[in-house]
Amino acid sequence: MITVGITGIIGSGKTTVSALLKQAGFTIVDLDNLAKEVSDSPQVKEDMRSIFGGTCVRDDLTVDVEALRTLVFKDKENLKRLEHIVHPRLLEEMEKRIAAEREGEAKAVIIDGPLIFEKGLNKRLDKTVVVSAEMSLIKERLLLRGMEREDMERRILHQMPLEEKERLADYVIRNNGTEEDLRKELEILLEKIKTWEVEDTCTLTN
């Protein structure tokens, strides 16, 4: 079985590609959702409370999301502290999901995450795919979604440039056209995944 990471930046179309891959029958491990599940565990909340205090995690262990977001965005050290709590547990859960798919004899599983390269997760995966688009188009999409320009620029700035992600990827999907154009790109990717699956099988049998 192979693991394929799908990544990009906000507005590039990563989520749409993952949804289409799910329709094609692949299991998707969404790292954003997995991080939320991990962060919602009592032990993680207790750890967060011990480090950040009651301003972010209340006595009943409910999280003030806005207060936490403000804290970590204003101070990189706070962000590192939060990642130190969440990241190891996220990796553990990701590996559990992958192991379950392997036991079920799946041929491939898709790992969907915005920070696959930033966090070095690509080293744990067999292949990586970047969903890319022209930056002007990405910004236009985000503004049409209702995102504030300042928030958009800040989010883009906090992610690795697309050009760098493309350089590191095994394959790049260009999402500059219509959804129909994207579906055609996906058909090419599906063939590429089949090739990777065959290569994996040949490696195992040699």
N, C-alpha and C. Protein backbone atom coordinates (compact mmCIF):
# COMPACT_ATOMS: atom_id res chain seq x y z
N MET A 1 0.83 -1.19 0.00
CA MET A 1 0.00 0.00 0.00
C MET A 1 0.87 1.25 0.00
N ILE A 2 0.45 2.26 -0.73
CA ILE A 2 1.19 3.51 -0.75
C ILE A 2 0.40 4.61 -0.04
N THR A 3 1.13 5.56 0.52
CA THR A 3 0.52 6.74 1.12
C THR A 3 0.83 7.94 0.24
N VAL A 4 -0.20 8.70 -0.09
CA VAL A 4 -0.06 9.85 -0.99
C VAL A 4 -0.52 11.11 -0.27
N GLY A 5 0.38 12.05 -0.09
CA GLY A 5 0.03 13.31 0.54
C GLY A 5 -0.51 14.30 -0.48
N ILE A 6 -1.61 14.96 -0.14
CA ILE A 6 -2.17 16.02 -0.97
C ILE A 6 -2.04 17.32 -0.21
N THR A 7 -1.37 18.30 -0.80
CA THR A 7 -1.17 19.56 -0.11
C THR A 7 -1.24 20.73 -1.09
N GLY A 8 -1.10 21.91 -0.56
CA GLY A 8 -1.19 23.14 -1.35
C GLY A 8 -1.23 24.29 -0.37
N ILE A 9 -1.76 25.44 -0.79
CA ILE A 9 -1.99 26.52 0.15
C ILE A 9 -3.47 26.87 0.13
N ILE A 10 -3.89 27.68 1.07
CA ILE A 10 -5.28 28.07 1.14
C ILE A 10 -5.73 28.68 -0.19
N GLY A 11 -6.84 28.18 -0.72
CA GLY A 11 -7.37 28.71 -1.97
C GLY A 11 -6.86 28.04 -3.23
N SER A 12 -5.91 27.10 -3.10
CA SER A 12 -5.36 26.46 -4.30
C SER A 12 -6.25 25.35 -4.84
N GLY A 13 -7.14 24.80 -3.97
CA GLY A 13 -8.06 23.76 -4.43
C GLY A 13 -7.78 22.39 -3.87
N LYS A 14 -6.94 22.31 -2.85
CA LYS A 14 -6.58 21.02 -2.24
C LYS A 14 -7.81 20.26 -1.74
N THR A 15 -8.70 20.97 -1.07
CA THR A 15 -9.89 20.33 -0.49
C THR A 15 -10.78 19.75 -1.59
N THR A 16 -10.90 20.48 -2.69
CA THR A 16 -11.71 20.00 -3.81
C THR A 16 -11.12 18.73 -4.40
N VAL A 17 -9.81 18.71 -4.57
CA VAL A 17 -9.13 17.52 -5.11
C VAL A 17 -9.33 16.33 -4.19
N SER A 18 -9.20 16.55 -2.89
CA SER A 18 -9.41 15.45 -1.93
C SER A 18 -10.83 14.92 -2.00
N ALA A 19 -11.80 15.82 -2.15
CA ALA A 19 -13.20 15.40 -2.26
C ALA A 19 -13.41 14.54 -3.50
N LEU A 20 -12.77 14.92 -4.60
CA LEU A 20 -12.89 14.15 -5.84
C LEU A 20 -12.21 12.79 -5.70
N LEU A 21 -11.10 12.75 -4.99
CA LEU A 21 -10.42 11.47 -4.75
C LEU A 21 -11.27 10.56 -3.87
N LYS A 22 -11.98 11.15 -2.91
CA LYS A 22 -12.89 10.37 -2.08
C LYS A 22 -14.00 9.77 -2.92
N GLN A 23 -14.53 10.58 -3.86
CA GLN A 23 -15.56 10.08 -4.78
C GLN A 23 -15.03 8.93 -5.62
N ALA A 24 -13.73 8.96 -5.90
CA ALA A 24 -13.10 7.91 -6.71
C ALA A 24 -12.83 6.65 -5.91
N GLY A 25 -13.14 6.68 -4.60
CA GLY A 25 -13.02 5.47 -3.78
C GLY A 25 -11.86 5.42 -2.82
N PHE A 26 -11.07 6.49 -2.74
CA PHE A 26 -9.93 6.49 -1.82
C PHE A 26 -10.35 6.91 -0.42
N THR A 27 -9.69 6.34 0.57
CA THR A 27 -9.86 6.81 1.94
C THR A 27 -9.01 8.05 2.13
N ILE A 28 -9.61 9.10 2.70
CA ILE A 28 -8.91 10.36 2.94
C ILE A 28 -8.68 10.52 4.43
N VAL A 29 -7.44 10.71 4.82
CA VAL A 29 -7.12 11.08 6.20
C VAL A 29 -6.89 12.59 6.21
N ASP A 30 -7.86 13.34 6.72
CA ASP A 30 -7.82 14.80 6.74
C ASP A 30 -7.08 15.24 8.01
N LEU A 31 -5.89 15.77 7.85
CA LEU A 31 -5.07 16.12 9.02
C LEU A 31 -5.65 17.30 9.79
N ASP A 32 -6.35 18.21 9.12
CA ASP A 32 -6.99 19.32 9.84
C ASP A 32 -8.07 18.78 10.79
N ASN A 33 -8.91 17.88 10.27
CA ASN A 33 -9.95 17.29 11.11
C ASN A 33 -9.34 16.43 12.22
N LEU A 34 -8.27 15.72 11.86
CA LEU A 34 -7.61 14.86 12.86
C LEU A 34 -7.02 15.71 13.98
N ALA A 35 -6.46 16.86 13.62
CA ALA A 35 -5.88 17.76 14.63
C ALA A 35 -6.96 18.28 15.57
N LYS A 36 -8.15 18.55 15.01
CA LYS A 36 -9.27 19.00 15.84
C LYS A 36 -9.71 17.90 16.81
N GLU A 37 -9.74 16.66 16.31
CA GLU A 37 -10.11 15.53 17.17
C GLU A 37 -9.10 15.38 18.31
N VAL A 38 -7.82 15.44 17.96
CA VAL A 38 -6.76 15.30 18.95
C VAL A 38 -6.84 16.43 19.97
N SER A 39 -7.05 17.66 19.47
CA SER A 39 -7.09 18.84 20.36
C SER A 39 -8.29 18.81 21.29
N ASP A 40 -9.29 18.04 20.93
CA ASP A 40 -10.51 17.97 21.74
C ASP A 40 -10.41 16.94 22.86
N SER A 41 -9.31 16.20 22.91
CA SER A 41 -9.17 15.18 23.96
C SER A 41 -8.87 15.85 25.29
N PRO A 42 -9.38 15.32 26.41
CA PRO A 42 -9.17 15.92 27.73
C PRO A 42 -7.70 16.10 28.09
N GLN A 43 -6.86 15.12 27.73
CA GLN A 43 -5.44 15.21 28.09
C GLN A 43 -4.77 16.40 27.40
N VAL A 44 -5.09 16.59 26.11
CA VAL A 44 -4.50 17.72 25.37
C VAL A 44 -4.97 19.04 25.97
N LYS A 45 -6.24 19.12 26.31
CA LYS A 45 -6.77 20.34 26.90
C LYS A 45 -6.12 20.64 28.26
N GLU A 46 -5.88 19.59 29.02
CA GLU A 46 -5.20 19.77 30.31
C GLU A 46 -3.78 20.30 30.09
N ASP A 47 -3.10 19.75 29.09
CA ASP A 47 -1.74 20.20 28.78
C ASP A 47 -1.75 21.65 28.31
N MET A 48 -2.73 22.00 27.48
CA MET A 48 -2.86 23.37 27.00
C MET A 48 -3.13 24.33 28.15
N ARG A 49 -3.97 23.90 29.06
CA ARG A 49 -4.32 24.74 30.20
C ARG A 49 -3.10 24.98 31.11
N SER A 50 -2.29 23.94 31.28
CA SER A 50 -1.12 24.06 32.14
C SER A 50 -0.09 25.02 31.55
N ILE A 51 -0.05 25.12 30.22
CA ILE A 51 0.93 25.99 29.55
C ILE A 51 0.39 27.40 29.31
N PHE A 52 -0.86 27.49 28.83
CA PHE A 52 -1.42 28.78 28.44
C PHE A 52 -2.35 29.40 29.48
N GLY A 53 -2.73 28.61 30.47
CA GLY A 53 -3.57 29.16 31.52
C GLY A 53 -5.05 29.18 31.18
N GLY A 54 -5.83 29.73 32.11
CA GLY A 54 -7.28 29.73 31.98
C GLY A 54 -7.83 30.68 30.95
N THR A 55 -6.99 31.54 30.39
CA THR A 55 -7.50 32.47 29.36
C THR A 55 -7.87 31.73 28.08
N CYS A 56 -7.21 30.60 27.84
CA CYS A 56 -7.48 29.83 26.61
C CYS A 56 -8.32 28.58 26.88
N VAL A 57 -8.09 27.94 28.02
CA VAL A 57 -8.84 26.74 28.37
C VAL A 57 -9.51 26.98 29.72
N ARG A 58 -10.82 26.97 29.71
CA ARG A 58 -11.58 27.29 30.92
C ARG A 58 -11.57 26.11 31.89
N ASP A 59 -12.14 26.35 33.09
CA ASP A 59 -12.17 25.31 34.13
C ASP A 59 -12.90 24.05 33.68
N ASP A 60 -13.94 24.24 32.83
CA ASP A 60 -14.71 23.07 32.35
C ASP A 60 -14.07 22.43 31.12
N LEU A 61 -12.82 22.86 30.80
CA LEU A 61 -12.03 22.34 29.67
C LEU A 61 -12.62 22.70 28.31
N THR A 62 -13.46 23.71 28.23
CA THR A 62 -13.85 24.25 26.94
C THR A 62 -12.78 25.24 26.52
N VAL A 63 -12.53 25.30 25.20
CA VAL A 63 -11.43 26.12 24.67
C VAL A 63 -11.98 27.42 24.09
N ASP A 64 -11.36 28.53 24.48
CA ASP A 64 -11.66 29.82 23.85
C ASP A 64 -10.80 29.89 22.59
N VAL A 65 -11.39 29.51 21.47
CA VAL A 65 -10.63 29.36 20.23
C VAL A 65 -10.01 30.68 19.80
N GLU A 66 -10.76 31.77 19.89
CA GLU A 66 -10.25 33.07 19.47
C GLU A 66 -9.07 33.51 20.33
N ALA A 67 -9.18 33.29 21.64
CA ALA A 67 -8.08 33.65 22.54
C ALA A 67 -6.82 32.84 22.23
N LEU A 68 -7.01 31.55 21.95
CA LEU A 68 -5.88 30.68 21.62
C LEU A 68 -5.26 31.09 20.30
N ARG A 69 -6.10 31.36 19.32
CA ARG A 69 -5.60 31.76 18.00
C ARG A 69 -4.79 33.06 18.10
N THR A 70 -5.30 34.02 18.85
CA THR A 70 -4.60 35.29 19.03
C THR A 70 -3.26 35.07 19.71
N LEU A 71 -3.24 34.19 20.70
CA LEU A 71 -2.02 33.92 21.46
C LEU A 71 -0.93 33.33 20.58
N VAL A 72 -1.29 32.36 19.75
CA VAL A 72 -0.26 31.66 18.96
C VAL A 72 0.16 32.45 17.72
N PHE A 73 -0.74 33.28 17.17
CA PHE A 73 -0.38 34.05 16.00
C PHE A 73 0.51 35.24 16.37
N LYS A 74 0.38 35.73 17.59
CA LYS A 74 1.18 36.88 18.00
C LYS A 74 2.56 36.49 18.50
N ASP A 75 2.72 35.23 18.87
CA ASP A 75 3.98 34.78 19.46
C ASP A 75 4.35 33.41 18.91
N LYS A 76 5.43 33.35 18.14
CA LYS A 76 5.85 32.09 17.52
C LYS A 76 6.23 31.04 18.56
N GLU A 77 6.72 31.48 19.71
CA GLU A 77 7.08 30.53 20.76
C GLU A 77 5.84 29.83 21.30
N ASN A 78 4.73 30.57 21.39
CA ASN A 78 3.47 29.97 21.83
C ASN A 78 2.98 28.96 20.80
N LEU A 79 3.17 29.29 19.52
CA LEU A 79 2.78 28.35 18.46
C LEU A 79 3.59 27.06 18.57
N LYS A 80 4.87 27.19 18.84
CA LYS A 80 5.73 26.01 19.00
C LYS A 80 5.28 25.17 20.20
N ARG A 81 4.88 25.85 21.27
CA ARG A 81 4.42 25.12 22.45
C ARG A 81 3.15 24.33 22.15
N LEU A 82 2.24 24.97 21.41
CA LEU A 82 1.00 24.29 21.05
C LEU A 82 1.28 23.10 20.14
N GLU A 83 2.16 23.29 19.17
CA GLU A 83 2.50 22.21 18.25
C GLU A 83 3.17 21.05 18.99
N HIS A 84 3.96 21.38 20.00
CA HIS A 84 4.64 20.35 20.79
C HIS A 84 3.62 19.46 21.52
N ILE A 85 2.49 20.05 21.87
CA ILE A 85 1.43 19.28 22.54
C ILE A 85 0.66 18.44 21.53
N VAL A 86 0.29 19.05 20.42
CA VAL A 86 -0.64 18.41 19.47
C VAL A 86 0.06 17.49 18.48
N HIS A 87 1.21 17.91 17.96
CA HIS A 87 1.83 17.23 16.82
C HIS A 87 2.14 15.75 17.07
N PRO A 88 2.78 15.39 18.18
CA PRO A 88 3.07 13.96 18.40
C PRO A 88 1.81 13.10 18.42
N ARG A 89 0.75 13.60 19.03
CA ARG A 89 -0.50 12.84 19.09
C ARG A 89 -1.15 12.77 17.71
N LEU A 90 -1.01 13.84 16.93
CA LEU A 90 -1.53 13.83 15.56
C LEU A 90 -0.83 12.77 14.72
N LEU A 91 0.49 12.69 14.83
CA LEU A 91 1.25 11.69 14.08
C LEU A 91 0.85 10.28 14.49
N GLU A 92 0.64 10.09 15.79
CA GLU A 92 0.24 8.77 16.29
C GLU A 92 -1.10 8.35 15.71
N GLU A 93 -2.06 9.28 15.68
CA GLU A 93 -3.38 8.98 15.13
C GLU A 93 -3.31 8.75 13.62
N MET A 94 -2.49 9.54 12.93
CA MET A 94 -2.33 9.36 11.49
C MET A 94 -1.80 7.97 11.18
N GLU A 95 -0.79 7.54 11.92
CA GLU A 95 -0.21 6.22 11.69
C GLU A 95 -1.22 5.11 11.98
N LYS A 96 -2.08 5.33 12.97
CA LYS A 96 -3.14 4.35 13.27
C LYS A 96 -4.09 4.21 12.10
N ARG A 97 -4.48 5.34 11.50
CA ARG A 97 -5.40 5.31 10.36
C ARG A 97 -4.75 4.61 9.16
N ILE A 98 -3.48 4.91 8.95
CA ILE A 98 -2.76 4.28 7.84
C ILE A 98 -2.66 2.77 8.06
N ALA A 99 -2.34 2.37 9.29
CA ALA A 99 -2.21 0.95 9.62
C ALA A 99 -3.54 0.23 9.40
N ALA A 100 -4.65 0.87 9.76
CA ALA A 100 -5.97 0.27 9.57
C ALA A 100 -6.26 0.04 8.09
N GLU A 101 -5.87 1.00 7.26
CA GLU A 101 -6.07 0.86 5.81
C GLU A 101 -5.19 -0.26 5.26
N ARG A 102 -3.98 -0.35 5.78
CA ARG A 102 -3.07 -1.41 5.32
C ARG A 102 -3.62 -2.78 5.68
N GLU A 103 -4.16 -2.91 6.87
CA GLU A 103 -4.76 -4.17 7.30
C GLU A 103 -5.97 -4.52 6.46
N GLY A 104 -6.67 -3.49 5.99
CA GLY A 104 -7.82 -3.71 5.12
C GLY A 104 -7.44 -3.95 3.67
N GLU A 105 -6.12 -4.02 3.42
CA GLU A 105 -5.56 -4.32 2.09
C GLU A 105 -5.91 -3.24 1.06
N ALA A 106 -5.99 -1.99 1.50
CA ALA A 106 -6.15 -0.89 0.56
C ALA A 106 -4.87 -0.75 -0.26
N LYS A 107 -5.02 -0.29 -1.49
CA LYS A 107 -3.85 -0.10 -2.35
C LYS A 107 -3.19 1.26 -2.13
N ALA A 108 -4.01 2.24 -1.72
CA ALA A 108 -3.48 3.58 -1.47
C ALA A 108 -4.38 4.31 -0.49
N VAL A 109 -3.79 5.19 0.29
CA VAL A 109 -4.56 6.05 1.18
C VAL A 109 -4.05 7.48 1.00
N ILE A 110 -4.97 8.44 1.02
CA ILE A 110 -4.64 9.83 0.77
C ILE A 110 -4.55 10.59 2.10
N ILE A 111 -3.44 11.29 2.30
CA ILE A 111 -3.24 12.12 3.48
C ILE A 111 -3.38 13.58 3.06
N ASP A 112 -4.45 14.22 3.51
CA ASP A 112 -4.76 15.60 3.13
C ASP A 112 -4.29 16.54 4.24
N GLY A 113 -3.33 17.42 3.92
CA GLY A 113 -2.85 18.36 4.93
C GLY A 113 -2.19 19.58 4.32
N PRO A 114 -2.44 20.77 4.86
CA PRO A 114 -1.86 21.99 4.31
C PRO A 114 -0.37 22.17 4.61
N LEU A 115 0.13 21.50 5.66
CA LEU A 115 1.49 21.74 6.12
C LEU A 115 2.36 20.48 6.03
N ILE A 116 2.11 19.66 5.04
CA ILE A 116 2.84 18.40 4.90
C ILE A 116 4.34 18.63 4.77
N PHE A 117 4.73 19.61 3.96
CA PHE A 117 6.16 19.89 3.81
C PHE A 117 6.71 20.69 4.98
N GLU A 118 5.92 21.67 5.45
CA GLU A 118 6.37 22.50 6.56
C GLU A 118 6.71 21.69 7.80
N LYS A 119 5.95 20.63 8.04
CA LYS A 119 6.14 19.82 9.25
C LYS A 119 6.95 18.54 8.97
N GLY A 120 7.46 18.41 7.76
CA GLY A 120 8.29 17.25 7.44
C GLY A 120 7.53 15.94 7.30
N LEU A 121 6.19 16.02 7.16
CA LEU A 121 5.40 14.80 7.05
C LEU A 121 5.66 14.07 5.73
N ASN A 122 6.16 14.79 4.73
CA ASN A 122 6.46 14.16 3.44
C ASN A 122 7.47 13.02 3.60
N LYS A 123 8.31 13.09 4.64
CA LYS A 123 9.30 12.04 4.88
C LYS A 123 8.65 10.74 5.33
N ARG A 124 7.41 10.83 5.83
CA ARG A 124 6.68 9.66 6.29
C ARG A 124 5.77 9.08 5.19
N LEU A 125 5.67 9.79 4.07
CA LEU A 125 4.75 9.39 3.00
C LEU A 125 5.52 8.88 1.79
N ASP A 126 4.85 8.07 0.97
CA ASP A 126 5.51 7.53 -0.22
C ASP A 126 5.58 8.55 -1.35
N LYS A 127 4.49 9.29 -1.56
CA LYS A 127 4.43 10.28 -2.63
C LYS A 127 3.70 11.52 -2.15
N THR A 128 4.00 12.66 -2.79
CA THR A 128 3.30 13.90 -2.45
C THR A 128 2.82 14.58 -3.72
N VAL A 129 1.62 15.16 -3.63
CA VAL A 129 1.00 15.87 -4.74
C VAL A 129 0.65 17.28 -4.26
N VAL A 130 1.04 18.27 -5.03
CA VAL A 130 0.71 19.66 -4.71
C VAL A 130 -0.36 20.15 -5.67
N VAL A 131 -1.42 20.74 -5.09
CA VAL A 131 -2.45 21.41 -5.90
C VAL A 131 -2.07 22.87 -5.95
N SER A 132 -1.80 23.36 -7.16
CA SER A 132 -1.28 24.71 -7.33
C SER A 132 -2.19 25.54 -8.24
N ALA A 133 -2.03 26.85 -8.16
CA ALA A 133 -2.77 27.77 -9.03
C ALA A 133 -2.04 29.11 -9.04
N GLU A 134 -2.38 29.94 -10.00
CA GLU A 134 -1.80 31.28 -10.05
C GLU A 134 -2.21 32.05 -8.79
N MET A 135 -1.25 32.79 -8.21
CA MET A 135 -1.53 33.49 -6.96
C MET A 135 -2.66 34.50 -7.11
N SER A 136 -2.73 35.18 -8.24
CA SER A 136 -3.80 36.16 -8.44
C SER A 136 -5.16 35.48 -8.41
N LEU A 137 -5.24 34.29 -8.96
CA LEU A 137 -6.50 33.53 -8.97
C LEU A 137 -6.84 33.03 -7.56
N ILE A 138 -5.82 32.60 -6.83
CA ILE A 138 -6.04 32.15 -5.46
C ILE A 138 -6.62 33.28 -4.61
N LYS A 139 -6.03 34.46 -4.72
CA LYS A 139 -6.50 35.61 -3.94
C LYS A 139 -7.92 36.00 -4.35
N GLU A 140 -8.20 35.92 -5.64
CA GLU A 140 -9.54 36.23 -6.12
C GLU A 140 -10.56 35.26 -5.52
N ARG A 141 -10.23 33.98 -5.48
CA ARG A 141 -11.13 32.97 -4.90
C ARG A 141 -11.39 33.25 -3.42
N LEU A 142 -10.34 33.57 -2.70
CA LEU A 142 -10.47 33.80 -1.26
C LEU A 142 -11.32 35.03 -0.96
N LEU A 143 -11.13 36.08 -1.75
CA LEU A 143 -11.93 37.29 -1.56
C LEU A 143 -13.39 37.03 -1.88
N LEU A 144 -13.64 36.21 -2.90
CA LEU A 144 -15.02 35.86 -3.25
C LEU A 144 -15.67 35.02 -2.15
N ARG A 145 -14.86 34.29 -1.41
CA ARG A 145 -15.39 33.52 -0.27
C ARG A 145 -15.77 34.42 0.90
N GLY A 146 -15.33 35.67 0.84
CA GLY A 146 -15.62 36.59 1.92
C GLY A 146 -14.50 36.79 2.90
N MET A 147 -13.32 36.27 2.59
CA MET A 147 -12.18 36.43 3.49
C MET A 147 -11.66 37.87 3.43
N GLU A 148 -11.34 38.41 4.59
CA GLU A 148 -10.76 39.75 4.65
C GLU A 148 -9.36 39.74 4.04
N ARG A 149 -9.02 40.82 3.32
CA ARG A 149 -7.73 40.84 2.62
C ARG A 149 -6.56 40.69 3.58
N GLU A 150 -6.63 41.36 4.74
CA GLU A 150 -5.53 41.28 5.70
C GLU A 150 -5.36 39.86 6.22
N ASP A 151 -6.47 39.20 6.52
CA ASP A 151 -6.43 37.82 6.99
C ASP A 151 -5.87 36.90 5.91
N MET A 152 -6.29 37.13 4.67
CA MET A 152 -5.82 36.33 3.54
C MET A 152 -4.30 36.45 3.39
N GLU A 153 -3.80 37.68 3.39
CA GLU A 153 -2.37 37.89 3.21
C GLU A 153 -1.57 37.25 4.35
N ARG A 154 -2.10 37.34 5.56
CA ARG A 154 -1.42 36.76 6.72
C ARG A 154 -1.34 35.25 6.60
N ARG A 155 -2.45 34.62 6.19
CA ARG A 155 -2.48 33.17 6.07
C ARG A 155 -1.53 32.69 4.98
N ILE A 156 -1.52 33.39 3.86
CA ILE A 156 -0.63 33.01 2.75
C ILE A 156 0.83 33.16 3.18
N LEU A 157 1.12 34.23 3.92
CA LEU A 157 2.49 34.51 4.36
C LEU A 157 3.00 33.42 5.30
N HIS A 158 2.10 32.80 6.08
CA HIS A 158 2.50 31.80 7.06
C HIS A 158 2.70 30.41 6.44
N GLN A 159 2.49 30.29 5.13
CA GLN A 159 2.67 28.99 4.48
C GLN A 159 3.86 29.03 3.52
N MET A 160 4.45 27.86 3.30
CA MET A 160 5.56 27.75 2.37
C MET A 160 5.09 28.19 0.97
N PRO A 161 5.89 28.96 0.25
CA PRO A 161 5.50 29.39 -1.10
C PRO A 161 5.18 28.20 -2.00
N LEU A 162 4.18 28.37 -2.86
CA LEU A 162 3.78 27.28 -3.74
C LEU A 162 4.93 26.79 -4.61
N GLU A 163 5.77 27.71 -5.06
CA GLU A 163 6.89 27.32 -5.93
C GLU A 163 7.80 26.32 -5.22
N GLU A 164 8.01 26.53 -3.92
CA GLU A 164 8.84 25.62 -3.15
C GLU A 164 8.15 24.27 -2.98
N LYS A 165 6.85 24.29 -2.73
CA LYS A 165 6.10 23.04 -2.59
C LYS A 165 6.13 22.26 -3.90
N GLU A 166 5.98 22.95 -5.01
CA GLU A 166 6.01 22.29 -6.32
C GLU A 166 7.36 21.61 -6.54
N ARG A 167 8.42 22.27 -6.12
CA ARG A 167 9.76 21.70 -6.30
C ARG A 167 9.94 20.41 -5.51
N LEU A 168 9.31 20.35 -4.35
CA LEU A 168 9.46 19.18 -3.48
C LEU A 168 8.51 18.04 -3.84
N ALA A 169 7.45 18.33 -4.59
CA ALA A 169 6.39 17.36 -4.85
C ALA A 169 6.79 16.32 -5.91
N ASP A 170 6.12 15.16 -5.84
CA ASP A 170 6.28 14.14 -6.88
C ASP A 170 5.39 14.44 -8.09
N TYR A 171 4.32 15.20 -7.84
CA TYR A 171 3.41 15.54 -8.93
C TYR A 171 2.68 16.84 -8.58
N VAL A 172 2.37 17.65 -9.60
CA VAL A 172 1.69 18.92 -9.40
C VAL A 172 0.42 18.98 -10.25
N ILE A 173 -0.69 19.32 -9.61
CA ILE A 173 -1.95 19.56 -10.31
C ILE A 173 -2.12 21.06 -10.48
N ARG A 174 -2.38 21.50 -11.72
CA ARG A 174 -2.62 22.92 -11.98
C ARG A 174 -4.12 23.18 -11.95
N ASN A 175 -4.54 24.03 -11.04
CA ASN A 175 -5.96 24.31 -10.85
C ASN A 175 -6.26 25.76 -11.23
N ASN A 176 -6.05 26.07 -12.50
CA ASN A 176 -6.25 27.44 -12.98
C ASN A 176 -7.52 27.61 -13.81
N GLY A 177 -8.24 26.52 -14.02
CA GLY A 177 -9.41 26.60 -14.90
C GLY A 177 -10.71 26.30 -14.18
N THR A 178 -11.61 25.66 -14.91
CA THR A 178 -12.93 25.32 -14.38
C THR A 178 -12.86 24.01 -13.59
N GLU A 179 -13.97 23.65 -12.96
CA GLU A 179 -14.01 22.37 -12.24
C GLU A 179 -13.88 21.21 -13.22
N GLU A 180 -14.39 21.39 -14.42
CA GLU A 180 -14.25 20.35 -15.45
C GLU A 180 -12.78 20.17 -15.81
N ASP A 181 -12.06 21.28 -15.92
CA ASP A 181 -10.62 21.19 -16.17
C ASP A 181 -9.92 20.44 -15.04
N LEU A 182 -10.36 20.71 -13.82
CA LEU A 182 -9.75 20.06 -12.66
C LEU A 182 -10.03 18.56 -12.67
N ARG A 183 -11.22 18.18 -13.10
CA ARG A 183 -11.55 16.75 -13.19
C ARG A 183 -10.65 16.05 -14.21
N LYS A 184 -10.32 16.73 -15.29
CA LYS A 184 -9.40 16.16 -16.28
C LYS A 184 -8.00 15.99 -15.68
N GLU A 185 -7.60 16.97 -14.90
CA GLU A 185 -6.31 16.87 -14.20
C GLU A 185 -6.33 15.68 -13.23
N LEU A 186 -7.48 15.48 -12.60
CA LEU A 186 -7.61 14.38 -11.64
C LEU A 186 -7.48 13.03 -12.33
N GLU A 187 -8.03 12.91 -13.53
CA GLU A 187 -7.92 11.65 -14.27
C GLU A 187 -6.46 11.29 -14.50
N ILE A 188 -5.65 12.31 -14.79
CA ILE A 188 -4.22 12.08 -14.99
C ILE A 188 -3.58 11.63 -13.68
N LEU A 189 -4.00 12.28 -12.58
CA LEU A 189 -3.46 11.90 -11.27
C LEU A 189 -3.83 10.46 -10.91
N LEU A 190 -5.06 10.05 -11.21
CA LEU A 190 -5.48 8.68 -10.91
C LEU A 190 -4.61 7.66 -11.65
N GLU A 191 -4.26 7.97 -12.87
CA GLU A 191 -3.36 7.08 -13.61
C GLU A 191 -1.97 7.07 -12.98
N LYS A 192 -1.55 8.24 -12.52
CA LYS A 192 -0.25 8.34 -11.87
C LYS A 192 -0.22 7.50 -10.59
N ILE A 193 -1.31 7.56 -9.81
CA ILE A 193 -1.38 6.78 -8.58
C ILE A 193 -1.33 5.28 -8.89
N LYS A 194 -2.01 4.87 -9.95
CA LYS A 194 -1.95 3.46 -10.36
C LYS A 194 -0.52 3.04 -10.67
N THR A 195 0.21 3.92 -11.33
CA THR A 195 1.61 3.64 -11.65
C THR A 195 2.43 3.50 -10.37
N TRP A 196 2.18 4.40 -9.43
CA TRP A 196 2.90 4.32 -8.14
C TRP A 196 2.57 3.03 -7.40
N GLU A 197 1.30 2.62 -7.47
CA GLU A 197 0.89 1.37 -6.83
C GLU A 197 1.64 0.18 -7.42
N VAL A 198 1.76 0.16 -8.75
CA VAL A 198 2.46 -0.92 -9.44
C VAL A 198 3.94 -0.92 -9.04
N GLU A 199 4.53 0.27 -9.00
CA GLU A 199 5.94 0.38 -8.60
C GLU A 199 6.14 -0.16 -7.20
N ASP A 200 5.18 0.15 -6.30
CA ASP A 200 5.26 -0.31 -4.91
C ASP A 200 5.18 -1.83 -4.85
N THR A 201 4.25 -2.40 -5.63
CA THR A 201 4.09 -3.86 -5.66
C THR A 201 5.34 -4.54 -6.19
N CYS A 202 5.92 -3.95 -7.24
CA CYS A 202 7.14 -4.53 -7.82
C CYS A 202 8.30 -4.48 -6.83
N THR A 203 8.37 -3.39 -6.07
CA THR A 203 9.42 -3.24 -5.07
C THR A 203 9.30 -4.30 -3.98
N LEU A 204 8.05 -4.55 -3.57
CA LEU A 204 7.80 -5.54 -2.52
C LEU A 204 8.12 -6.96 -2.97
N THR A 205 7.93 -7.23 -4.25
CA THR A 205 8.11 -8.60 -4.74
C THR A 205 9.55 -8.87 -5.20
N ASN A 206 10.35 -7.83 -5.30
CA ASN A 206 11.75 -8.02 -5.74
C ASN A 206 12.67 -8.27 -4.55
